[in-house]
Amino acid sequence: MTPVSLNPADAQRLVADGATLVDIRDADEHAREHIPGALNLPLAGIADMPAPSGPIIFHCRSGMRTAANAARLADAVNGSPSYILAGGIDAWRTEGLPTSVDRRQPLEIMRQVQLVAGGLVLLGVVLGFLTTPIFFGLSALVGGGLMVAGATGWCGMATLLHRLPWNRRTLAA
């Protein structure tokens, strides 16, 4: 059975009545901001979720990941009532409901990839115009890397960024 979509106020009422709120985002996203009391079970390991004892409400950042994986999430709960928080944590925050934010945690890895990739592409273009066209190759290299990441699901830049010192706190958490 496909999970039913809930608005943040209805989700909050269900949680107050004993429903379990499950954050399917990766650990680095959850560490930076999460809904208090939410259990972090990243989507990659959702099939190993313990049998629920009551209703489950799944959420992500914007609601798109949960909606795209609704059938997979429904399978993980083995027939227990399941719901999706419409709009995710973004909608929860917009409604003025509490979130726990830890700004000391690094930005999510994918946001770091977007910032670094965008910066390298821009640098390659600027240097290509101002100095020598060989720097356009930097933009092409980053574009090719992003295409490989999209096609295979493996991102070399994310792997490298994950190992940098400022991201080690999230690995240990």
N, C-alpha and C. Protein backbone atom coordinates (compact mmCIF):
# COMPACT_ATOMS: atom_id res chain seq x y z
N MET A 1 0.84 -1.18 0.00
CA MET A 1 0.00 0.00 0.00
C MET A 1 0.89 1.25 0.00
N THR A 2 0.62 2.18 -0.89
CA THR A 2 1.40 3.40 -1.01
C THR A 2 1.17 4.30 0.20
N PRO A 3 2.27 4.88 0.75
CA PRO A 3 2.10 5.78 1.90
C PRO A 3 1.25 7.00 1.55
N VAL A 4 0.45 7.44 2.50
CA VAL A 4 -0.41 8.60 2.34
C VAL A 4 0.39 9.86 2.64
N SER A 5 0.16 10.90 1.88
CA SER A 5 0.85 12.17 2.09
C SER A 5 0.16 12.96 3.20
N LEU A 6 0.98 13.52 4.10
CA LEU A 6 0.45 14.33 5.21
C LEU A 6 1.06 15.72 5.20
N ASN A 7 0.28 16.72 5.60
CA ASN A 7 0.85 18.05 5.78
C ASN A 7 1.58 18.07 7.13
N PRO A 8 2.45 19.06 7.37
CA PRO A 8 3.23 19.08 8.61
C PRO A 8 2.39 19.08 9.89
N ALA A 9 1.27 19.79 9.91
CA ALA A 9 0.45 19.84 11.13
C ALA A 9 -0.14 18.46 11.45
N ASP A 10 -0.63 17.76 10.43
CA ASP A 10 -1.17 16.41 10.65
C ASP A 10 -0.06 15.44 11.07
N ALA A 11 1.12 15.60 10.46
CA ALA A 11 2.26 14.75 10.83
C ALA A 11 2.65 14.99 12.29
N GLN A 12 2.66 16.24 12.70
CA GLN A 12 3.01 16.56 14.09
C GLN A 12 2.00 15.92 15.06
N ARG A 13 0.72 15.96 14.70
CA ARG A 13 -0.31 15.34 15.56
C ARG A 13 -0.10 13.83 15.65
N LEU A 14 0.20 13.19 14.53
CA LEU A 14 0.44 11.74 14.55
C LEU A 14 1.67 11.38 15.38
N VAL A 15 2.72 12.19 15.27
CA VAL A 15 3.93 11.95 16.07
C VAL A 15 3.60 12.10 17.55
N ALA A 16 2.80 13.11 17.90
CA ALA A 16 2.39 13.29 19.30
C ALA A 16 1.56 12.10 19.80
N ASP A 17 0.87 11.42 18.87
CA ASP A 17 0.07 10.24 19.24
C ASP A 17 0.87 8.94 19.19
N GLY A 18 2.19 9.04 18.91
CA GLY A 18 3.02 7.85 18.96
C GLY A 18 3.60 7.35 17.65
N ALA A 19 3.33 8.03 16.54
CA ALA A 19 3.92 7.62 15.26
C ALA A 19 5.42 7.88 15.28
N THR A 20 6.17 7.09 14.52
CA THR A 20 7.61 7.25 14.42
C THR A 20 7.93 8.06 13.17
N LEU A 21 8.72 9.11 13.35
CA LEU A 21 9.15 9.94 12.24
C LEU A 21 10.51 9.44 11.78
N VAL A 22 10.62 9.07 10.51
CA VAL A 22 11.85 8.51 9.96
C VAL A 22 12.41 9.44 8.88
N ASP A 23 13.62 9.91 9.12
CA ASP A 23 14.33 10.78 8.19
C ASP A 23 15.16 9.90 7.26
N ILE A 24 14.83 9.90 5.96
CA ILE A 24 15.53 9.01 5.02
C ILE A 24 16.74 9.69 4.37
N ARG A 25 17.08 10.89 4.81
CA ARG A 25 18.24 11.58 4.25
C ARG A 25 19.53 10.95 4.78
N ASP A 26 20.63 11.24 4.11
CA ASP A 26 21.92 10.72 4.56
C ASP A 26 22.31 11.34 5.90
N ALA A 27 23.24 10.68 6.59
CA ALA A 27 23.65 11.10 7.93
C ALA A 27 24.18 12.52 7.96
N ASP A 28 24.90 12.97 6.93
CA ASP A 28 25.44 14.33 6.94
C ASP A 28 24.33 15.37 6.85
N GLU A 29 23.27 15.08 6.12
CA GLU A 29 22.13 16.00 6.05
C GLU A 29 21.41 16.06 7.39
N HIS A 30 21.20 14.88 7.99
CA HIS A 30 20.50 14.79 9.28
C HIS A 30 21.30 15.49 10.38
N ALA A 31 22.63 15.37 10.33
CA ALA A 31 23.47 15.97 11.37
C ALA A 31 23.37 17.49 11.36
N ARG A 32 23.22 18.07 10.18
CA ARG A 32 23.17 19.54 10.08
C ARG A 32 21.82 20.09 10.53
N GLU A 33 20.73 19.43 10.16
CA GLU A 33 19.39 19.86 10.59
C GLU A 33 18.45 18.67 10.55
N HIS A 34 17.68 18.53 11.62
CA HIS A 34 16.69 17.45 11.67
C HIS A 34 15.52 17.85 12.56
N ILE A 35 14.44 17.11 12.41
CA ILE A 35 13.27 17.30 13.26
C ILE A 35 13.54 16.56 14.56
N PRO A 36 13.42 17.24 15.71
CA PRO A 36 13.70 16.57 16.98
C PRO A 36 12.89 15.28 17.12
N GLY A 37 13.57 14.21 17.53
CA GLY A 37 12.92 12.92 17.72
C GLY A 37 12.87 12.05 16.48
N ALA A 38 13.26 12.61 15.32
CA ALA A 38 13.25 11.82 14.08
C ALA A 38 14.38 10.80 14.10
N LEU A 39 14.06 9.60 13.65
CA LEU A 39 15.02 8.52 13.54
C LEU A 39 15.67 8.62 12.17
N ASN A 40 17.00 8.61 12.11
CA ASN A 40 17.69 8.70 10.82
C ASN A 40 17.98 7.30 10.28
N LEU A 41 17.26 6.93 9.20
CA LEU A 41 17.49 5.69 8.47
C LEU A 41 17.63 6.04 7.00
N PRO A 42 18.88 6.27 6.54
CA PRO A 42 19.08 6.66 5.14
C PRO A 42 18.42 5.70 4.17
N LEU A 43 17.95 6.23 3.08
CA LEU A 43 17.23 5.47 2.07
C LEU A 43 18.00 4.23 1.62
N ALA A 44 19.33 4.33 1.55
CA ALA A 44 20.14 3.19 1.10
C ALA A 44 19.97 1.97 2.00
N GLY A 45 19.67 2.16 3.29
CA GLY A 45 19.52 1.04 4.20
C GLY A 45 18.11 0.81 4.69
N ILE A 46 17.14 1.38 4.03
CA ILE A 46 15.75 1.32 4.50
C ILE A 46 15.20 -0.10 4.51
N ALA A 47 15.72 -0.97 3.66
CA ALA A 47 15.22 -2.35 3.62
C ALA A 47 15.56 -3.10 4.91
N ASP A 48 16.58 -2.63 5.64
CA ASP A 48 16.99 -3.26 6.90
C ASP A 48 16.28 -2.66 8.11
N MET A 49 15.27 -1.85 7.87
CA MET A 49 14.56 -1.19 8.96
C MET A 49 13.87 -2.22 9.85
N PRO A 50 14.00 -2.08 11.18
CA PRO A 50 13.30 -3.01 12.07
C PRO A 50 11.78 -2.90 11.91
N ALA A 51 11.08 -3.96 12.20
CA ALA A 51 9.62 -3.96 12.07
C ALA A 51 9.03 -2.87 12.96
N PRO A 52 8.21 -1.99 12.39
CA PRO A 52 7.63 -0.91 13.18
C PRO A 52 6.54 -1.41 14.13
N SER A 53 6.40 -0.69 15.24
CA SER A 53 5.36 -1.06 16.21
C SER A 53 4.13 -0.18 16.06
N GLY A 54 4.15 0.72 15.11
CA GLY A 54 3.01 1.61 14.89
C GLY A 54 3.19 2.36 13.59
N PRO A 55 2.43 3.43 13.40
CA PRO A 55 2.53 4.20 12.16
C PRO A 55 3.92 4.82 11.97
N ILE A 56 4.32 4.91 10.72
CA ILE A 56 5.61 5.49 10.35
C ILE A 56 5.36 6.67 9.42
N ILE A 57 6.07 7.77 9.66
CA ILE A 57 6.03 8.93 8.78
C ILE A 57 7.43 9.13 8.23
N PHE A 58 7.58 9.01 6.92
CA PHE A 58 8.88 9.21 6.28
C PHE A 58 9.02 10.65 5.83
N HIS A 59 10.25 11.16 5.91
CA HIS A 59 10.48 12.49 5.35
C HIS A 59 11.91 12.62 4.83
N CYS A 60 12.08 13.58 3.93
CA CYS A 60 13.39 13.95 3.41
C CYS A 60 13.48 15.48 3.49
N ARG A 61 14.26 16.10 2.64
CA ARG A 61 14.39 17.55 2.70
C ARG A 61 13.17 18.24 2.09
N SER A 62 12.81 17.88 0.85
CA SER A 62 11.74 18.60 0.16
C SER A 62 10.51 17.74 -0.11
N GLY A 63 10.58 16.45 0.16
CA GLY A 63 9.48 15.54 -0.13
C GLY A 63 9.64 14.80 -1.44
N MET A 64 10.60 15.20 -2.26
CA MET A 64 10.78 14.57 -3.57
C MET A 64 11.36 13.16 -3.46
N ARG A 65 12.35 12.97 -2.58
CA ARG A 65 12.94 11.63 -2.42
C ARG A 65 11.93 10.64 -1.86
N THR A 66 11.15 11.09 -0.89
CA THR A 66 10.15 10.18 -0.31
C THR A 66 9.08 9.85 -1.34
N ALA A 67 8.64 10.83 -2.09
CA ALA A 67 7.60 10.58 -3.11
C ALA A 67 8.14 9.65 -4.20
N ALA A 68 9.38 9.86 -4.61
CA ALA A 68 9.96 9.03 -5.67
C ALA A 68 10.19 7.59 -5.21
N ASN A 69 10.30 7.37 -3.91
CA ASN A 69 10.58 6.04 -3.37
C ASN A 69 9.42 5.50 -2.54
N ALA A 70 8.22 6.00 -2.78
CA ALA A 70 7.06 5.62 -1.97
C ALA A 70 6.83 4.12 -1.92
N ALA A 71 6.93 3.44 -3.05
CA ALA A 71 6.69 1.99 -3.06
C ALA A 71 7.75 1.26 -2.24
N ARG A 72 8.98 1.68 -2.37
CA ARG A 72 10.09 1.08 -1.59
C ARG A 72 9.89 1.29 -0.09
N LEU A 73 9.44 2.48 0.28
CA LEU A 73 9.20 2.78 1.70
C LEU A 73 8.03 1.95 2.23
N ALA A 74 6.98 1.80 1.42
CA ALA A 74 5.83 0.99 1.83
C ALA A 74 6.24 -0.46 2.05
N ASP A 75 7.12 -0.98 1.19
CA ASP A 75 7.60 -2.36 1.35
C ASP A 75 8.38 -2.54 2.64
N ALA A 76 9.09 -1.49 3.06
CA ALA A 76 9.95 -1.58 4.25
C ALA A 76 9.15 -1.68 5.55
N VAL A 77 7.89 -1.26 5.56
CA VAL A 77 7.11 -1.25 6.80
C VAL A 77 6.24 -2.49 6.97
N ASN A 78 6.28 -3.40 6.03
CA ASN A 78 5.57 -4.68 6.14
C ASN A 78 4.10 -4.53 6.52
N GLY A 79 3.38 -3.65 5.83
CA GLY A 79 1.95 -3.52 6.05
C GLY A 79 1.53 -2.56 7.15
N SER A 80 2.47 -2.03 7.94
CA SER A 80 2.11 -1.04 8.96
C SER A 80 1.68 0.25 8.27
N PRO A 81 0.84 1.04 8.92
CA PRO A 81 0.43 2.31 8.32
C PRO A 81 1.66 3.19 8.07
N SER A 82 1.76 3.74 6.87
CA SER A 82 2.90 4.59 6.57
C SER A 82 2.43 5.86 5.86
N TYR A 83 3.18 6.91 6.10
CA TYR A 83 2.85 8.23 5.59
C TYR A 83 4.11 8.91 5.08
N ILE A 84 3.91 9.93 4.26
CA ILE A 84 5.01 10.76 3.77
C ILE A 84 4.71 12.19 4.18
N LEU A 85 5.71 12.86 4.75
CA LEU A 85 5.57 14.26 5.11
C LEU A 85 5.70 15.09 3.83
N ALA A 86 4.57 15.63 3.38
CA ALA A 86 4.54 16.44 2.15
C ALA A 86 5.44 17.66 2.33
N GLY A 87 6.36 17.85 1.40
CA GLY A 87 7.25 19.01 1.46
C GLY A 87 8.45 18.79 2.36
N GLY A 88 8.52 17.66 3.04
CA GLY A 88 9.68 17.31 3.86
C GLY A 88 9.97 18.30 4.98
N ILE A 89 11.22 18.29 5.40
CA ILE A 89 11.63 19.17 6.50
C ILE A 89 11.51 20.64 6.11
N ASP A 90 11.61 20.93 4.82
CA ASP A 90 11.43 22.32 4.36
C ASP A 90 10.03 22.82 4.71
N ALA A 91 9.00 22.00 4.44
CA ALA A 91 7.62 22.39 4.74
C ALA A 91 7.41 22.46 6.25
N TRP A 92 8.01 21.52 6.98
CA TRP A 92 7.92 21.49 8.44
C TRP A 92 8.43 22.82 9.01
N ARG A 93 9.61 23.25 8.54
CA ARG A 93 10.21 24.50 8.99
C ARG A 93 9.36 25.70 8.58
N THR A 94 8.83 25.68 7.35
CA THR A 94 8.00 26.78 6.84
C THR A 94 6.75 26.97 7.70
N GLU A 95 6.22 25.87 8.22
CA GLU A 95 5.03 25.94 9.09
C GLU A 95 5.37 26.42 10.50
N GLY A 96 6.65 26.72 10.76
CA GLY A 96 7.06 27.20 12.06
C GLY A 96 7.26 26.10 13.09
N LEU A 97 7.30 24.86 12.64
CA LEU A 97 7.52 23.74 13.56
C LEU A 97 9.01 23.60 13.83
N PRO A 98 9.37 23.08 15.01
CA PRO A 98 10.77 23.09 15.43
C PRO A 98 11.67 22.12 14.67
N THR A 99 12.88 22.59 14.42
CA THR A 99 13.95 21.73 13.90
C THR A 99 15.18 21.96 14.77
N SER A 100 16.04 20.99 14.78
CA SER A 100 17.30 21.10 15.51
C SER A 100 18.40 21.36 14.49
N VAL A 101 19.07 22.50 14.60
CA VAL A 101 20.09 22.89 13.63
C VAL A 101 21.45 22.93 14.33
N ASP A 102 22.45 22.34 13.70
CA ASP A 102 23.82 22.37 14.20
C ASP A 102 24.70 22.94 13.10
N ARG A 103 24.91 24.25 13.13
CA ARG A 103 25.70 24.94 12.10
C ARG A 103 27.18 24.57 12.16
N ARG A 104 27.61 23.92 13.24
CA ARG A 104 29.00 23.47 13.33
C ARG A 104 29.25 22.27 12.41
N GLN A 105 28.18 21.58 12.02
CA GLN A 105 28.32 20.45 11.10
C GLN A 105 28.59 20.99 9.70
N PRO A 106 29.39 20.27 8.92
CA PRO A 106 29.68 20.74 7.55
C PRO A 106 28.44 20.67 6.67
N LEU A 107 28.49 21.42 5.58
CA LEU A 107 27.41 21.34 4.59
C LEU A 107 27.32 19.91 4.07
N GLU A 108 26.16 19.52 3.61
CA GLU A 108 25.97 18.19 3.05
C GLU A 108 26.95 17.99 1.90
N ILE A 109 27.43 16.76 1.74
CA ILE A 109 28.43 16.45 0.72
C ILE A 109 27.96 16.88 -0.67
N MET A 110 26.72 16.62 -1.02
CA MET A 110 26.27 16.99 -2.37
C MET A 110 26.24 18.50 -2.57
N ARG A 111 25.95 19.26 -1.53
CA ARG A 111 26.02 20.72 -1.66
C ARG A 111 27.46 21.15 -1.85
N GLN A 112 28.40 20.48 -1.15
CA GLN A 112 29.81 20.79 -1.34
C GLN A 112 30.24 20.47 -2.77
N VAL A 113 29.78 19.34 -3.29
CA VAL A 113 30.11 18.98 -4.68
C VAL A 113 29.58 20.06 -5.63
N GLN A 114 28.36 20.52 -5.42
CA GLN A 114 27.79 21.55 -6.29
C GLN A 114 28.61 22.84 -6.23
N LEU A 115 29.03 23.23 -5.02
CA LEU A 115 29.81 24.46 -4.88
C LEU A 115 31.19 24.33 -5.53
N VAL A 116 31.87 23.21 -5.28
CA VAL A 116 33.21 23.02 -5.85
C VAL A 116 33.13 22.87 -7.36
N ALA A 117 32.20 22.05 -7.85
CA ALA A 117 32.08 21.85 -9.30
C ALA A 117 31.74 23.17 -10.00
N GLY A 118 30.80 23.90 -9.45
CA GLY A 118 30.44 25.19 -10.05
C GLY A 118 31.60 26.16 -10.04
N GLY A 119 32.34 26.20 -8.93
CA GLY A 119 33.51 27.07 -8.83
C GLY A 119 34.59 26.69 -9.83
N LEU A 120 34.84 25.39 -9.99
CA LEU A 120 35.87 24.94 -10.94
C LEU A 120 35.46 25.23 -12.38
N VAL A 121 34.20 25.04 -12.71
CA VAL A 121 33.73 25.34 -14.07
C VAL A 121 33.89 26.84 -14.33
N LEU A 122 33.45 27.66 -13.39
CA LEU A 122 33.58 29.12 -13.55
C LEU A 122 35.04 29.53 -13.66
N LEU A 123 35.91 28.97 -12.82
CA LEU A 123 37.33 29.27 -12.87
C LEU A 123 37.92 28.88 -14.23
N GLY A 124 37.57 27.70 -14.73
CA GLY A 124 38.06 27.26 -16.03
C GLY A 124 37.65 28.19 -17.15
N VAL A 125 36.41 28.65 -17.12
CA VAL A 125 35.93 29.56 -18.17
C VAL A 125 36.63 30.92 -18.07
N VAL A 126 36.72 31.47 -16.87
CA VAL A 126 37.36 32.78 -16.69
C VAL A 126 38.83 32.71 -17.11
N LEU A 127 39.55 31.70 -16.61
CA LEU A 127 40.96 31.57 -16.98
C LEU A 127 41.13 31.27 -18.47
N GLY A 128 40.19 30.52 -19.05
CA GLY A 128 40.24 30.24 -20.48
C GLY A 128 40.13 31.50 -21.32
N PHE A 129 39.30 32.43 -20.90
CA PHE A 129 39.16 33.68 -21.64
C PHE A 129 40.29 34.66 -21.34
N LEU A 130 40.75 34.69 -20.09
CA LEU A 130 41.75 35.69 -19.70
C LEU A 130 43.19 35.28 -19.97
N THR A 131 43.48 33.99 -19.99
CA THR A 131 44.87 33.56 -20.17
C THR A 131 45.03 32.71 -21.42
N THR A 132 44.76 31.44 -21.29
CA THR A 132 44.94 30.53 -22.42
C THR A 132 43.75 29.57 -22.50
N PRO A 133 43.31 29.22 -23.69
CA PRO A 133 42.16 28.34 -23.86
C PRO A 133 42.33 26.95 -23.24
N ILE A 134 43.54 26.60 -22.86
CA ILE A 134 43.74 25.27 -22.26
C ILE A 134 42.93 25.13 -20.96
N PHE A 135 42.65 26.24 -20.30
CA PHE A 135 41.88 26.18 -19.05
C PHE A 135 40.42 25.79 -19.27
N PHE A 136 39.93 25.88 -20.51
CA PHE A 136 38.57 25.39 -20.79
C PHE A 136 38.49 23.88 -20.52
N GLY A 137 39.64 23.21 -20.61
CA GLY A 137 39.71 21.78 -20.30
C GLY A 137 39.29 21.47 -18.87
N LEU A 138 39.55 22.40 -17.93
CA LEU A 138 39.13 22.20 -16.54
C LEU A 138 37.61 22.10 -16.47
N SER A 139 36.92 22.98 -17.18
CA SER A 139 35.45 22.94 -17.21
C SER A 139 34.96 21.64 -17.83
N ALA A 140 35.63 21.21 -18.90
CA ALA A 140 35.25 19.95 -19.56
C ALA A 140 35.49 18.76 -18.63
N LEU A 141 36.59 18.77 -17.90
CA LEU A 141 36.89 17.68 -16.97
C LEU A 141 35.83 17.58 -15.87
N VAL A 142 35.45 18.71 -15.31
CA VAL A 142 34.42 18.71 -14.26
C VAL A 142 33.08 18.25 -14.84
N GLY A 143 32.73 18.74 -16.03
CA GLY A 143 31.49 18.31 -16.67
C GLY A 143 31.48 16.81 -16.93
N GLY A 144 32.60 16.28 -17.41
CA GLY A 144 32.71 14.84 -17.63
C GLY A 144 32.57 14.05 -16.34
N GLY A 145 33.18 14.55 -15.27
CA GLY A 145 33.07 13.89 -13.96
C GLY A 145 31.64 13.86 -13.46
N LEU A 146 30.92 14.96 -13.67
CA LEU A 146 29.52 15.00 -13.26
C LEU A 146 28.67 14.03 -14.08
N MET A 147 28.99 13.89 -15.36
CA MET A 147 28.26 12.94 -16.19
C MET A 147 28.52 11.50 -15.74
N VAL A 148 29.76 11.18 -15.40
CA VAL A 148 30.09 9.85 -14.88
C VAL A 148 29.33 9.60 -13.59
N ALA A 149 29.31 10.61 -12.71
CA ALA A 149 28.58 10.47 -11.44
C ALA A 149 27.10 10.22 -11.68
N GLY A 150 26.52 10.93 -12.62
CA GLY A 150 25.10 10.74 -12.93
C GLY A 150 24.82 9.37 -13.53
N ALA A 151 25.73 8.89 -14.35
CA ALA A 151 25.51 7.60 -15.03
C ALA A 151 25.78 6.40 -14.13
N THR A 152 26.74 6.53 -13.21
CA THR A 152 27.16 5.37 -12.41
C THR A 152 26.71 5.43 -10.96
N GLY A 153 26.40 6.63 -10.46
CA GLY A 153 26.08 6.78 -9.05
C GLY A 153 27.31 6.95 -8.18
N TRP A 154 28.50 6.93 -8.77
CA TRP A 154 29.74 7.13 -8.02
C TRP A 154 30.31 8.48 -8.39
N CYS A 155 30.63 9.29 -7.39
CA CYS A 155 31.15 10.63 -7.62
C CYS A 155 32.52 10.75 -6.96
N GLY A 156 33.55 10.85 -7.79
CA GLY A 156 34.91 10.98 -7.28
C GLY A 156 35.09 12.22 -6.44
N MET A 157 34.47 13.32 -6.83
CA MET A 157 34.60 14.56 -6.06
C MET A 157 33.97 14.41 -4.68
N ALA A 158 32.82 13.75 -4.61
CA ALA A 158 32.17 13.52 -3.31
C ALA A 158 33.04 12.63 -2.43
N THR A 159 33.65 11.61 -3.03
CA THR A 159 34.54 10.72 -2.28
C THR A 159 35.71 11.50 -1.71
N LEU A 160 36.31 12.36 -2.52
CA LEU A 160 37.42 13.17 -2.07
C LEU A 160 36.98 14.15 -0.98
N LEU A 161 35.88 14.85 -1.20
CA LEU A 161 35.40 15.82 -0.21
C LEU A 161 35.05 15.15 1.12
N HIS A 162 34.54 13.95 1.05
CA HIS A 162 34.16 13.22 2.27
C HIS A 162 35.37 12.96 3.17
N ARG A 163 36.55 12.89 2.58
CA ARG A 163 37.77 12.60 3.34
C ARG A 163 38.47 13.84 3.90
N LEU A 164 38.00 15.01 3.53
CA LEU A 164 38.65 16.24 4.00
C LEU A 164 38.34 16.47 5.48
N PRO A 165 39.25 17.15 6.18
CA PRO A 165 39.15 17.28 7.65
C PRO A 165 37.83 17.81 8.17
N TRP A 166 37.23 18.80 7.49
CA TRP A 166 36.00 19.38 8.02
C TRP A 166 34.80 18.44 7.92
N ASN A 167 34.91 17.38 7.16
CA ASN A 167 33.81 16.42 7.05
C ASN A 167 33.98 15.22 7.98
N ARG A 168 35.04 15.13 8.70
CA ARG A 168 35.28 13.97 9.56
C ARG A 168 34.34 13.91 10.76
N ARG A 169 33.84 15.06 11.22
CA ARG A 169 32.88 15.05 12.34
C ARG A 169 31.63 14.27 11.99
N THR A 170 31.13 14.44 10.78
CA THR A 170 29.93 13.74 10.36
C THR A 170 30.19 12.24 10.25
N LEU A 171 31.37 11.84 9.80
CA LEU A 171 31.70 10.42 9.69
C LEU A 171 31.66 9.75 11.05
N ALA A 172 32.12 10.46 12.08
CA ALA A 172 32.17 9.87 13.42
C ALA A 172 30.80 9.90 14.09
N ALA A 173 29.92 10.77 13.66
CA ALA A 173 28.61 10.93 14.32
C ALA A 173 27.67 9.79 14.00
